[in-house]
C-alpha atoms as a PDB file:
ATOM      1  CA  MET A   1       0.000   0.000   0.000  1.00  0.00           C
ATOM      2  CA  ILE A   2       2.896   2.366   0.710  1.00  0.00           C
ATOM      3  CA  ALA A   3       4.409   1.683  -2.726  1.00  0.00           C
ATOM      4  CA  LEU A   4       1.013   2.198  -4.369  1.00  0.00           C
ATOM      5  CA  GLY A   5       0.518   5.425  -2.416  1.00  0.00           C
ATOM      6  CA  TRP A   6       3.840   6.885  -3.617  1.00  0.00           C
ATOM      7  CA  PHE A   7       3.027   5.772  -7.170  1.00  0.00           C
ATOM      8  CA  VAL A   8      -0.417   7.408  -7.223  1.00  0.00           C
ATOM      9  CA  ALA A   9       0.896  10.573  -5.579  1.00  0.00           C
ATOM     10  CA  GLY A  10       3.664  10.718  -8.192  1.00  0.00           C
ATOM     11  CA  ILE A  11       1.181  10.468 -11.074  1.00  0.00           C
ATOM     12  CA  ALA A  12      -0.961  13.194  -9.509  1.00  0.00           C
ATOM     13  CA  LEU A  13       2.016  15.563  -9.228  1.00  0.00           C
ATOM     14  CA  LEU A  14       3.099  14.787 -12.809  1.00  0.00           C
ATOM     15  CA  ILE A  15      -0.341  15.615 -14.183  1.00  0.00           C
ATOM     16  CA  VAL A  16      -0.589  18.856 -12.219  1.00  0.00           C
ATOM     17  CA  GLY A  17       2.967  19.901 -13.072  1.00  0.00           C
ATOM     18  CA  ALA A  18       2.571  19.154 -16.797  1.00  0.00           C
ATOM     19  CA  GLU A  19      -0.693  21.106 -16.940  1.00  0.00           C
ATOM     20  CA  VAL A  20       0.931  24.129 -15.283  1.00  0.00           C
ATOM     21  CA  VAL A  21       3.961  24.019 -17.591  1.00  0.00           C
ATOM     22  CA  VAL A  22       1.855  23.699 -20.751  1.00  0.00           C
ATOM     23  CA  ARG A  23      -0.729  26.327 -19.764  1.00  0.00           C
ATOM     24  CA  ARG A  24       1.616  28.963 -18.391  1.00  0.00           C
ATOM     25  CA  GLY A  25       4.290  28.383 -20.995  1.00  0.00           C
ATOM     26  CA  SER A  26       1.811  28.589 -23.864  1.00  0.00           C
ATOM     27  CA  MET A  27       0.118  31.716 -22.488  1.00  0.00           C
ATOM     28  CA  LEU A  28       3.454  33.443 -21.956  1.00  0.00           C
ATOM     29  CA  ALA A  29       4.723  32.574 -25.439  1.00  0.00           C
ATOM     30  CA  ALA A  30       1.433  33.682 -27.007  1.00  0.00           C
ATOM     31  CA  ARG A  31       1.674  37.039 -25.229  1.00  0.00           C
ATOM     32  CA  LEU A  32       5.204  37.457 -26.595  1.00  0.00           C
ATOM     33  CA  GLY A  33       3.975  36.949 -30.177  1.00  0.00           C
ATOM     34  CA  VAL A  34       5.322  33.437 -30.776  1.00  0.00           C
ATOM     35  CA  PRO A  35       3.429  31.642 -33.606  1.00  0.00           C
ATOM     36  CA  PRO A  36       1.014  28.879 -32.529  1.00  0.00           C
ATOM     37  CA  MET A  37       2.815  26.063 -34.370  1.00  0.00           C
ATOM     38  CA  VAL A  38       6.101  26.940 -32.673  1.00  0.00           C
ATOM     39  CA  ILE A  39       4.364  26.907 -29.283  1.00  0.00           C
ATOM     40  CA  GLY A  40       2.574  23.661 -30.093  1.00  0.00           C
ATOM     41  CA  VAL A  41       5.686  21.800 -31.173  1.00  0.00           C
ATOM     42  CA  THR A  42       7.901  23.121 -28.385  1.00  0.00           C
ATOM     43  CA  ILE A  43       6.141  24.155 -25.183  1.00  0.00           C
ATOM     44  CA  VAL A  44       2.964  22.103 -25.591  1.00  0.00           C
ATOM     45  CA  ALA A  45       4.553  18.949 -27.021  1.00  0.00           C
ATOM     46  CA  ILE A  46       7.608  19.022 -24.752  1.00  0.00           C
ATOM     47  CA  GLY A  47       5.544  20.151 -21.768  1.00  0.00           C
ATOM     48  CA  THR A  48       3.175  17.203 -22.095  1.00  0.00           C
ATOM     49  CA  SER A  49       6.233  14.961 -22.498  1.00  0.00           C
ATOM     50  CA  ALA A  50       7.930  16.429 -19.416  1.00  0.00           C
ATOM     51  CA  PRO A  51       6.673  13.595 -17.164  1.00  0.00           C
ATOM     52  CA  GLU A  52       8.269  11.025 -19.476  1.00  0.00           C
ATOM     53  CA  LEU A  53      11.543  13.004 -19.447  1.00  0.00           C
ATOM     54  CA  ALA A  54      11.605  13.277 -15.654  1.00  0.00           C
ATOM     55  CA  ILE A  55      10.760   9.590 -15.289  1.00  0.00           C
ATOM     56  CA  GLY A  56      13.407   8.611 -17.838  1.00  0.00           C
ATOM     57  CA  ILE A  57      16.195  10.542 -16.133  1.00  0.00           C
ATOM     58  CA  GLU A  58      15.179   9.345 -12.670  1.00  0.00           C
ATOM     59  CA  ALA A  59      14.934   5.719 -13.832  1.00  0.00           C
ATOM     60  CA  ALA A  60      18.312   5.921 -15.608  1.00  0.00           C
ATOM     61  CA  LEU A  61      19.965   7.360 -12.501  1.00  0.00           C
ATOM     62  CA  GLU A  62      18.583   4.478 -10.442  1.00  0.00           C
ATOM     63  CA  GLY A  63      19.677   1.849 -12.984  1.00  0.00           C
ATOM     64  CA  ASN A  64      16.151   1.051 -14.208  1.00  0.00           C
ATOM     65  CA  GLY A  65      16.647   1.912 -17.872  1.00  0.00           C
ATOM     66  CA  SER A  66      14.062  -0.588 -19.095  1.00  0.00           C
ATOM     67  CA  LEU A  67      11.377   1.315 -17.211  1.00  0.00           C
ATOM     68  CA  ALA A  68      12.307   4.447 -19.172  1.00  0.00           C
ATOM     69  CA  VAL A  69      12.325   2.656 -22.537  1.00  0.00           C
ATOM     70  CA  GLY A  70       9.114   0.809 -21.690  1.00  0.00           C
ATOM     71  CA  ASN A  71       7.468   4.084 -20.731  1.00  0.00           C
ATOM     72  CA  VAL A  72       8.315   5.678 -24.106  1.00  0.00           C
ATOM     73  CA  ALA A  73       7.219   2.636 -26.129  1.00  0.00           C
ATOM     74  CA  GLY A  74       4.058   2.260 -24.053  1.00  0.00           C
ATOM     75  CA  THR A  75       3.185   5.959 -24.151  1.00  0.00           C
ATOM     76  CA  ASN A  76       3.526   6.177 -27.939  1.00  0.00           C
ATOM     77  CA  THR A  77       1.316   3.109 -28.340  1.00  0.00           C
ATOM     78  CA  VAL A  78      -1.263   4.612 -25.964  1.00  0.00           C
ATOM     79  CA  ASN A  79      -1.153   7.944 -27.822  1.00  0.00           C
ATOM     80  CA  ILE A  80      -2.013   6.500 -31.230  1.00  0.00           C
ATOM     81  CA  LEU A  81      -4.067   3.382 -30.559  1.00  0.00           C
ATOM     82  CA  PHE A  82      -6.036   4.411 -27.501  1.00  0.00           C
ATOM     83  CA  ILE A  83      -6.177   8.220 -27.272  1.00  0.00           C
ATOM     84  CA  LEU A  84      -6.320   9.068 -30.978  1.00  0.00           C
ATOM     85  CA  GLY A  85      -8.470   5.986 -31.622  1.00  0.00           C
ATOM     86  CA  LEU A  86     -10.930   6.950 -28.899  1.00  0.00           C
ATOM     87  CA  SER A  87     -11.131  10.487 -30.256  1.00  0.00           C
ATOM     88  CA  ALA A  88     -11.963   9.157 -33.738  1.00  0.00           C
ATOM     89  CA  ALA A  89     -14.460   6.624 -32.339  1.00  0.00           C
ATOM     90  CA  ILE A  90     -16.344   9.480 -30.674  1.00  0.00           C
ATOM     91  CA  ASP A  91     -16.316  11.611 -33.825  1.00  0.00           C
ATOM     92  CA  PRO A  92     -14.517  10.991 -37.189  1.00  0.00           C
ATOM     93  CA  LEU A  93     -11.132  12.674 -37.131  1.00  0.00           C
ATOM     94  CA  THR A  94     -10.107  14.852 -40.080  1.00  0.00           C
ATOM     95  CA  LEU A  95      -6.358  15.359 -40.535  1.00  0.00           C
ATOM     96  CA  THR A  96      -4.631  18.420 -41.963  1.00  0.00           C
ATOM     97  CA  VAL A  97      -2.233  18.238 -44.904  1.00  0.00           C
ATOM     98  CA  GLN A  98       0.548  19.614 -42.711  1.00  0.00           C
ATOM     99  CA  THR A  99       0.078  16.772 -40.216  1.00  0.00           C
ATOM    100  CA  LEU A 100       0.286  14.181 -42.986  1.00  0.00           C
ATOM    101  CA  ARG A 101       3.367  15.770 -44.561  1.00  0.00           C
ATOM    102  CA  SER A 102       5.438  16.448 -41.461  1.00  0.00           C
ATOM    103  CA  ALA A 103       4.405  14.882 -38.145  1.00  0.00           C
ATOM    104  CA  LEU A 104       3.290  11.508 -39.518  1.00  0.00           C
ATOM    105  CA  PRO A 105       6.452  10.680 -41.572  1.00  0.00           C
ATOM    106  CA  LEU A 106       8.677  11.850 -38.725  1.00  0.00           C
ATOM    107  CA  MET A 107       6.791   9.716 -36.203  1.00  0.00           C
ATOM    108  CA  VAL A 108       7.331   6.652 -38.406  1.00  0.00           C
ATOM    109  CA  THR A 109      10.998   7.526 -38.993  1.00  0.00           C
ATOM    110  CA  ALA A 110      11.655   8.002 -35.273  1.00  0.00           C
ATOM    111  CA  ALA A 111      10.044   4.635 -34.468  1.00  0.00           C
ATOM    112  CA  LEU A 112      12.135   2.825 -37.110  1.00  0.00           C
ATOM    113  CA  VAL A 113      15.342   4.505 -35.891  1.00  0.00           C
ATOM    114  CA  LEU A 114      14.638   3.469 -32.295  1.00  0.00           C
ATOM    115  CA  LEU A 115      13.956  -0.120 -33.379  1.00  0.00           C
ATOM    116  CA  ALA A 116      17.283  -0.240 -35.238  1.00  0.00           C
ATOM    117  CA  MET A 117      19.215   1.324 -32.362  1.00  0.00           C
ATOM    118  CA  ALA A 118      17.713  -0.929 -29.680  1.00  0.00           C
ATOM    119  CA  TRP A 119      18.089  -4.179 -31.643  1.00  0.00           C
ATOM    120  CA  ASP A 120      21.463  -4.981 -30.028  1.00  0.00           C
ATOM    121  CA  GLY A 121      19.958  -4.566 -26.550  1.00  0.00           C
ATOM    122  CA  VAL A 122      21.775  -1.331 -25.689  1.00  0.00           C
ATOM    123  CA  LEU A 123      21.058   2.349 -26.283  1.00  0.00           C
ATOM    124  CA  SER A 124      24.437   4.076 -26.049  1.00  0.00           C
ATOM    125  CA  ARG A 125      25.360   7.680 -25.318  1.00  0.00           C
ATOM    126  CA  ALA A 126      26.387   8.143 -28.959  1.00  0.00           C
ATOM    127  CA  GLU A 127      22.935   7.000 -30.073  1.00  0.00           C
ATOM    128  CA  GLY A 128      21.424   9.349 -27.502  1.00  0.00           C
ATOM    129  CA  LEU A 129      23.342  12.248 -29.068  1.00  0.00           C
ATOM    130  CA  LEU A 130      22.025  11.303 -32.508  1.00  0.00           C
ATOM    131  CA  LEU A 131      18.465  11.258 -31.186  1.00  0.00           C
ATOM    132  CA  VAL A 132      18.856  14.672 -29.532  1.00  0.00           C
ATOM    133  CA  ALA A 133      20.312  16.061 -32.769  1.00  0.00           C
ATOM    134  CA  GLY A 134      17.207  14.741 -34.506  1.00  0.00           C
ATOM    135  CA  ALA A 135      15.040  16.601 -31.998  1.00  0.00           C
ATOM    136  CA  VAL A 136      16.852  19.858 -32.802  1.00  0.00           C
ATOM    137  CA  LEU A 137      16.414  19.329 -36.554  1.00  0.00           C
ATOM    138  CA  TYR A 138      12.736  18.461 -36.078  1.00  0.00           C
ATOM    139  CA  SER A 139      12.082  21.615 -34.046  1.00  0.00           C
ATOM    140  CA  THR A 140      13.929  23.757 -36.577  1.00  0.00           C
ATOM    141  CA  ALA A 141      11.902  22.315 -39.455  1.00  0.00           C
ATOM    142  CA  ILE A 142       8.646  23.029 -37.632  1.00  0.00           C
ATOM    143  CA  VAL A 143       9.680  26.627 -36.952  1.00  0.00           C
ATOM    144  CA  TYR A 144      10.282  27.190 -40.664  1.00  0.00           C
ATOM    145  CA  SER A 145       6.908  25.663 -41.518  1.00  0.00           C
ATOM    146  CA  THR A 146       4.916  28.134 -39.400  1.00  0.00           C
ATOM    147  CA  ARG A 147       4.159  30.274 -42.446  1.00  0.00           C
ATOM    148  CA  ARG A 148       1.828  27.523 -43.664  1.00  0.00           C
ATOM    149  CA  GLU A 149      -0.394  27.593 -40.579  1.00  0.00           C
ATOM    150  CA  SER A 150      -4.078  27.741 -41.445  1.00  0.00           C
ATOM    151  CA  ARG A 151      -6.382  30.426 -40.121  1.00  0.00           C
ATOM    152  CA  ALA A 152      -8.397  27.712 -38.371  1.00  0.00           C
ATOM    153  CA  VAL A 153      -5.362  26.543 -36.394  1.00  0.00           C
ATOM    154  CA  ARG A 154      -4.456  30.096 -35.395  1.00  0.00           C
ATOM    155  CA  ALA A 155      -8.048  30.819 -34.312  1.00  0.00           C
ATOM    156  CA  GLU A 156      -8.251  27.570 -32.329  1.00  0.00           C
ATOM    157  CA  PHE A 157      -4.974  28.327 -30.579  1.00  0.00           C
ATOM    158  CA  ALA A 158      -6.025  31.881 -29.782  1.00  0.00           C
ATOM    159  CA  GLN A 159      -9.194  30.606 -28.134  1.00  0.00           C
ATOM    160  CA  GLU A 160      -7.262  28.041 -26.078  1.00  0.00           C
ATOM    161  CA  TYR A 161      -4.126  29.974 -25.080  1.00  0.00           C
ATOM    162  CA  GLY A 162      -4.599  33.603 -26.040  1.00  0.00           C
ATOM    163  CA  THR A 163      -3.842  35.715 -29.096  1.00  0.00           C
ATOM    164  CA  PRO A 164      -0.136  36.219 -29.886  1.00  0.00           C
ATOM    165  CA  ARG A 165       0.736  39.902 -29.552  1.00  0.00           C
ATOM    166  CA  ARG A 166       3.725  42.141 -29.119  1.00  0.00           C
ATOM    167  CA  GLY A 167       4.316  43.777 -25.783  1.00  0.00           C
ATOM    168  CA  TYR A 168       3.602  42.419 -22.339  1.00  0.00           C
ATOM    169  CA  ASP A 169       3.107  43.268 -18.706  1.00  0.00           C
ATOM    170  CA  SER A 170       6.239  42.627 -16.624  1.00  0.00           C
ATOM    171  CA  ARG A 171       4.134  41.361 -13.703  1.00  0.00           C
ATOM    172  CA  GLU A 172       2.450  38.860 -16.023  1.00  0.00           C
ATOM    173  CA  VAL A 173       5.857  37.600 -17.169  1.00  0.00           C
ATOM    174  CA  VAL A 174       7.135  37.240 -13.593  1.00  0.00           C
ATOM    175  CA  THR A 175       3.960  35.402 -12.546  1.00  0.00           C
ATOM    176  CA  SER A 176       4.164  33.038 -15.511  1.00  0.00           C
ATOM    177  CA  LEU A 177       7.861  32.344 -14.920  1.00  0.00           C
ATOM    178  CA  ALA A 178       7.187  31.605 -11.254  1.00  0.00           C
ATOM    179  CA  ALA A 179       4.363  29.238 -12.231  1.00  0.00           C
ATOM    180  CA  LEU A 180       6.608  27.537 -14.785  1.00  0.00           C
ATOM    181  CA  THR A 181       9.298  27.002 -12.159  1.00  0.00           C
ATOM    182  CA  ALA A 182       6.756  25.593  -9.728  1.00  0.00           C
ATOM    183  CA  GLY A 183       5.422  23.285 -12.446  1.00  0.00           C
ATOM    184  CA  ILE A 184       8.891  21.962 -13.280  1.00  0.00           C
ATOM    185  CA  VAL A 185       9.686  21.346  -9.606  1.00  0.00           C
ATOM    186  CA  THR A 186       6.357  19.538  -9.220  1.00  0.00           C
ATOM    187  CA  ILE A 187       7.171  17.306 -12.199  1.00  0.00           C
ATOM    188  CA  VAL A 188      10.618  16.441 -10.834  1.00  0.00           C
ATOM    189  CA  VAL A 189       9.268  15.551  -7.393  1.00  0.00           C
ATOM    190  CA  GLY A 190       6.393  13.593  -8.932  1.00  0.00           C
ATOM    191  CA  ALA A 191       8.783  11.610 -11.138  1.00  0.00           C
ATOM    192  CA  ASP A 192      10.915  10.691  -8.124  1.00  0.00           C
ATOM    193  CA  TRP A 193       7.872   9.438  -6.199  1.00  0.00           C
ATOM    194  CA  LEU A 194       6.418   7.608  -9.200  1.00  0.00           C
ATOM    195  CA  VAL A 195       9.649   5.789 -10.121  1.00  0.00           C
ATOM    196  CA  ASP A 196      10.275   4.734  -6.524  1.00  0.00           C
ATOM    197  CA  GLY A 197       6.704   3.482  -6.190  1.00  0.00           C
ATOM    198  CA  ALA A 198       6.760   1.765  -9.614  1.00  0.00           C
ATOM    199  CA  VAL A 199      10.004  -0.083  -8.898  1.00  0.00           C
ATOM    200  CA  ASP A 200       8.715  -1.213  -5.493  1.00  0.00           C
ATOM    201  CA  LEU A 201       5.457  -2.392  -7.087  1.00  0.00           C
ATOM    202  CA  ALA A 202       7.379  -4.324  -9.750  1.00  0.00           C
ATOM    203  CA  ARG A 203       9.412  -6.101  -7.068  1.00  0.00           C
ATOM    204  CA  LEU A 204       6.342  -6.887  -4.958  1.00  0.00           C
ATOM    205  CA  LEU A 205       4.310  -8.173  -7.932  1.00  0.00           C
ATOM    206  CA  GLY A 206       7.223 -10.104  -9.387  1.00  0.00           C
ATOM    207  CA  VAL A 207       7.089  -8.333 -12.774  1.00  0.00           C
ATOM    208  CA  SER A 208       9.761  -6.465 -14.725  1.00  0.00           C
ATOM    209  CA  ASP A 209      10.451  -2.744 -14.746  1.00  0.00           C
ATOM    210  CA  ALA A 210       9.590  -2.780 -18.461  1.00  0.00           C
ATOM    211  CA  PHE A 211       6.110  -4.173 -17.744  1.00  0.00           C
ATOM    212  CA  ILE A 212       5.399  -1.400 -15.230  1.00  0.00           C
ATOM    213  CA  GLY A 213       6.689   1.199 -17.709  1.00  0.00           C
ATOM    214  CA  LEU A 214       4.596  -0.215 -20.568  1.00  0.00           C
ATOM    215  CA  THR A 215       1.356  -0.343 -18.618  1.00  0.00           C
ATOM    216  CA  ILE A 216       0.723   1.659 -15.458  1.00  0.00           C
ATOM    217  CA  VAL A 217       3.374   4.341 -15.958  1.00  0.00           C
ATOM    218  CA  ALA A 218       2.599   4.804 -19.676  1.00  0.00           C
ATOM    219  CA  ILE A 219      -1.141   5.108 -19.086  1.00  0.00           C
ATOM    220  CA  GLY A 220      -0.641   7.392 -16.090  1.00  0.00           C
ATOM    221  CA  THR A 221       1.686   9.816 -17.879  1.00  0.00           C
ATOM    222  CA  SER A 222      -0.632   9.850 -20.926  1.00  0.00           C
ATOM    223  CA  SER A 223      -3.674  10.874 -18.903  1.00  0.00           C
ATOM    224  CA  PRO A 224      -3.246  14.646 -19.623  1.00  0.00           C
ATOM    225  CA  GLU A 225      -3.223  13.945 -23.380  1.00  0.00           C
ATOM    226  CA  LEU A 226      -6.263  11.671 -22.999  1.00  0.00           C
ATOM    227  CA  VAL A 227      -8.300  14.305 -21.182  1.00  0.00           C
ATOM    228  CA  THR A 228      -7.206  17.025 -23.630  1.00  0.00           C
ATOM    229  CA  ALA A 229      -8.080  14.934 -26.685  1.00  0.00           C
ATOM    230  CA  VAL A 230     -11.521  13.933 -25.389  1.00  0.00           C
ATOM    231  CA  VAL A 231     -12.422  17.491 -24.357  1.00  0.00           C
ATOM    232  CA  ALA A 232     -11.154  18.856 -27.691  1.00  0.00           C
ATOM    233  CA  THR A 233     -13.269  16.262 -29.499  1.00  0.00           C
ATOM    234  CA  MET A 234     -16.374  17.357 -27.627  1.00  0.00           C
ATOM    235  CA  LYS A 235     -15.616  20.997 -28.522  1.00  0.00           C
ATOM    236  CA  LYS A 236     -14.870  20.156 -32.178  1.00  0.00           C
ATOM    237  CA  GLU A 237     -11.432  21.772 -31.775  1.00  0.00           C
ATOM    238  CA  ARG A 238      -8.909  19.012 -32.381  1.00  0.00           C
ATOM    239  CA  ASP A 239      -6.173  20.284 -34.703  1.00  0.00           C
ATOM    240  CA  ILE A 240      -3.770  21.274 -31.934  1.00  0.00           C
ATOM    241  CA  ALA A 241      -4.638  18.244 -29.770  1.00  0.00           C
ATOM    242  CA  VAL A 242      -3.971  15.792 -32.625  1.00  0.00           C
ATOM    243  CA  GLY A 243      -0.803  17.612 -33.653  1.00  0.00           C
ATOM    244  CA  ASN A 244       0.356  17.431 -30.053  1.00  0.00           C
ATOM    245  CA  LEU A 245      -0.249  13.654 -29.926  1.00  0.00           C
ATOM    246  CA  LEU A 246       1.882  13.044 -33.007  1.00  0.00           C
ATOM    247  CA  GLY A 247       4.465  15.651 -32.002  1.00  0.00           C
ATOM    248  CA  SER A 248       4.776  14.166 -28.519  1.00  0.00           C
ATOM    249  CA  SER A 249       5.264  10.711 -30.046  1.00  0.00           C
ATOM    250  CA  VAL A 250       8.237  12.080 -31.990  1.00  0.00           C
ATOM    251  CA  TYR A 251       9.684  13.964 -29.017  1.00  0.00           C
ATOM    252  CA  ASN A 252       9.274  10.959 -26.721  1.00  0.00           C
ATOM    253  CA  ILE A 253      11.815   9.122 -28.855  1.00  0.00           C
ATOM    254  CA  VAL A 254      14.224  11.741 -30.152  1.00  0.00           C
ATOM    255  CA  LEU A 255      14.333  14.091 -27.159  1.00  0.00           C
ATOM    256  CA  ILE A 256      13.070  12.228 -24.094  1.00  0.00           C
ATOM    257  CA  LEU A 257      14.807   8.926 -24.775  1.00  0.00           C
ATOM    258  CA  GLY A 258      17.781  10.711 -26.329  1.00  0.00           C
ATOM    259  CA  VAL A 259      18.432  12.751 -23.182  1.00  0.00           C
ATOM    260  CA  THR A 260      17.818   9.686 -20.994  1.00  0.00           C
ATOM    261  CA  CYS A 261      20.524   7.777 -22.883  1.00  0.00           C
ATOM    262  CA  LEU A 262      23.029  10.514 -22.037  1.00  0.00           C
ATOM    263  CA  VAL A 263      22.616  10.045 -18.274  1.00  0.00           C
ATOM    264  CA  PRO A 264      24.397   6.694 -17.587  1.00  0.00           C
ATOM    265  CA  SER A 265      27.960   6.453 -18.932  1.00  0.00           C
ATOM    266  CA  SER A 266      27.381   2.920 -20.208  1.00  0.00           C
ATOM    267  CA  GLY A 267      24.086   3.704 -21.914  1.00  0.00           C
ATOM    268  CA  ILE A 268      20.802   1.931 -21.237  1.00  0.00           C
ATOM    269  CA  LEU A 269      20.305  -1.823 -21.291  1.00  0.00           C
ATOM    270  CA  VAL A 270      17.052  -2.768 -23.042  1.00  0.00           C
ATOM    271  CA  GLU A 271      15.248  -5.937 -21.969  1.00  0.00           C
ATOM    272  CA  PRO A 272      14.914  -8.602 -24.713  1.00  0.00           C
ATOM    273  CA  ALA A 273      11.093  -8.500 -24.531  1.00  0.00           C
ATOM    274  CA  LEU A 274      11.152  -4.767 -25.284  1.00  0.00           C
ATOM    275  CA  VAL A 275      13.427  -5.319 -28.289  1.00  0.00           C
ATOM    276  CA  ARG A 276      11.530  -8.287 -29.730  1.00  0.00           C
ATOM    277  CA  VAL A 277       7.928  -7.340 -28.899  1.00  0.00           C
ATOM    278  CA  ASP A 278       7.102  -3.901 -27.513  1.00  0.00           C
ATOM    279  CA  ILE A 279       9.286  -1.592 -29.619  1.00  0.00           C
ATOM    280  CA  PRO A 280       8.246  -3.513 -32.789  1.00  0.00           C
ATOM    281  CA  VAL A 281       4.594  -3.118 -31.707  1.00  0.00           C
ATOM    282  CA  MET A 282       5.114   0.651 -31.316  1.00  0.00           C
ATOM    283  CA  THR A 283       6.767   0.733 -34.763  1.00  0.00           C
ATOM    284  CA  ALA A 284       3.984  -1.338 -36.336  1.00  0.00           C
ATOM    285  CA  VAL A 285       1.384   1.049 -34.908  1.00  0.00           C
ATOM    286  CA  ALA A 286       3.196   3.999 -36.518  1.00  0.00           C
ATOM    287  CA  LEU A 287       3.367   2.164 -39.855  1.00  0.00           C
ATOM    288  CA  VAL A 288      -0.300   1.112 -39.762  1.00  0.00           C
ATOM    289  CA  ALA A 289      -1.255   4.727 -39.066  1.00  0.00           C
ATOM    290  CA  VAL A 290       0.101   5.797 -42.476  1.00  0.00           C
ATOM    291  CA  PRO A 291      -2.508   4.158 -44.749  1.00  0.00           C
ATOM    292  CA  VAL A 292      -5.271   4.833 -42.215  1.00  0.00           C
ATOM    293  CA  PHE A 293      -4.417   8.535 -41.993  1.00  0.00           C
ATOM    294  CA  VAL A 294      -3.708   9.061 -45.694  1.00  0.00           C
ATOM    295  CA  SER A 295      -6.869   7.352 -46.995  1.00  0.00           C
ATOM    296  CA  GLY A 296      -9.335  10.185 -47.283  1.00  0.00           C
ATOM    297  CA  ARG A 297      -7.293  12.224 -44.753  1.00  0.00           C
ATOM    298  CA  GLN A 298      -9.670  10.993 -42.083  1.00  0.00           C
ATOM    299  CA  VAL A 299      -9.828   8.417 -39.294  1.00  0.00           C
ATOM    300  CA  SER A 300     -13.362   7.006 -39.282  1.00  0.00           C
ATOM    301  CA  ARG A 301     -15.351   5.846 -36.269  1.00  0.00           C
ATOM    302  CA  LEU A 302     -14.775   2.224 -37.283  1.00  0.00           C
ATOM    303  CA  GLU A 303     -11.021   2.731 -37.644  1.00  0.00           C
ATOM    304  CA  GLY A 304     -10.945   4.503 -34.286  1.00  0.00           C
ATOM    305  CA  ALA A 305     -12.829   1.630 -32.648  1.00  0.00           C
ATOM    306  CA  LEU A 306     -10.403  -0.866 -34.214  1.00  0.00           C
ATOM    307  CA  PHE A 307      -7.458   1.144 -32.839  1.00  0.00           C
ATOM    308  CA  VAL A 308      -8.946   1.062 -29.325  1.00  0.00           C
ATOM    309  CA  SER A 309      -9.691  -2.668 -29.631  1.00  0.00           C
ATOM    310  CA  ALA A 310      -6.117  -3.319 -30.753  1.00  0.00           C
ATOM    311  CA  TYR A 311      -4.768  -1.502 -27.705  1.00  0.00           C
ATOM    312  CA  ILE A 312      -7.031  -3.452 -25.349  1.00  0.00           C
ATOM    313  CA  ALA A 313      -5.803  -6.691 -26.972  1.00  0.00           C
ATOM    314  CA  TYR A 314      -2.162  -5.596 -26.560  1.00  0.00           C
ATOM    315  CA  LEU A 315      -2.783  -4.670 -22.927  1.00  0.00           C
ATOM    316  CA  ALA A 316      -4.403  -8.055 -22.329  1.00  0.00           C
ATOM    317  CA  TYR A 317      -1.348  -9.738 -23.858  1.00  0.00           C
ATOM    318  CA  LEU A 318       0.969  -7.821 -21.522  1.00  0.00           C
ATOM    319  CA  VAL A 319      -1.046  -8.826 -18.460  1.00  0.00           C
ATOM    320  CA  LEU A 320      -1.345 -12.493 -19.481  1.00  0.00           C
ATOM    321  CA  ALA A 321       2.155 -13.036 -20.865  1.00  0.00           C
ATOM    322  CA  ARG A 322       4.270 -10.824 -18.593  1.00  0.00           C
ATOM    323  CA  THR A 323       2.774 -11.497 -15.144  1.00  0.00           C
END
């Protein structure tokens, strides 16, 4: 019960901290006149991935690298199969041309690169540097693509985070910076509690760190994206939410896992089950998304329901085969 208590408290702090970082960071950037796409691909996408980053670094420092890798693989699978699938099952999901041309190919590429890197059972520091370099290139490409933002995306962002404008109130900046700092501290503390509780739970239940990362931790850290996607679906305002799901899936690999690989001097050891099953499943999900997304530039209710069913089947496999 103590381990479970620390775990639940850690998830709660991660959710609160991520929400503060995303909200305050986005509002501050909007007030400073930063374009919506830049904010979405940096502050929003990285902010919602901050729990995964904190968990990855904490797990790597404690020698539980498989938990970090399992969390990334599990989170990306949750993002596409369950969260995006559920959103489409509620209401057919129309995709923008920009999403299909940039975020989707990069998500697939990142998944394939991770599969190739992890195949030998180790993610080295050198590979971590390559992933981080990919994150920098990805962010740069998105910044240059901001000129192609649609009016609909800009209007949706303005309603959610505020209209970008020049000039600002110094007190507003100080308040937002203080809130950002508090949010980051909350995330760090929450990650420490969650990793400690998750590792203790894994030992008590007799399961691997990877299993905990793939299931409970992945679902817990994806809860902000789940709530955001469902609410956005109800409001018929999903462009930014969907872009964030795909963008976060890219950042989870190239930035989150890349930085995590830099922490231990010997790199991260990846459990055989992750290499042979879970990372290939994440990669297969990214590949399957291509024809589904491209056909008619829409994810239908049926396709969304099939995505959700596939995730439930995968989760059932994890519970039956790994416990």
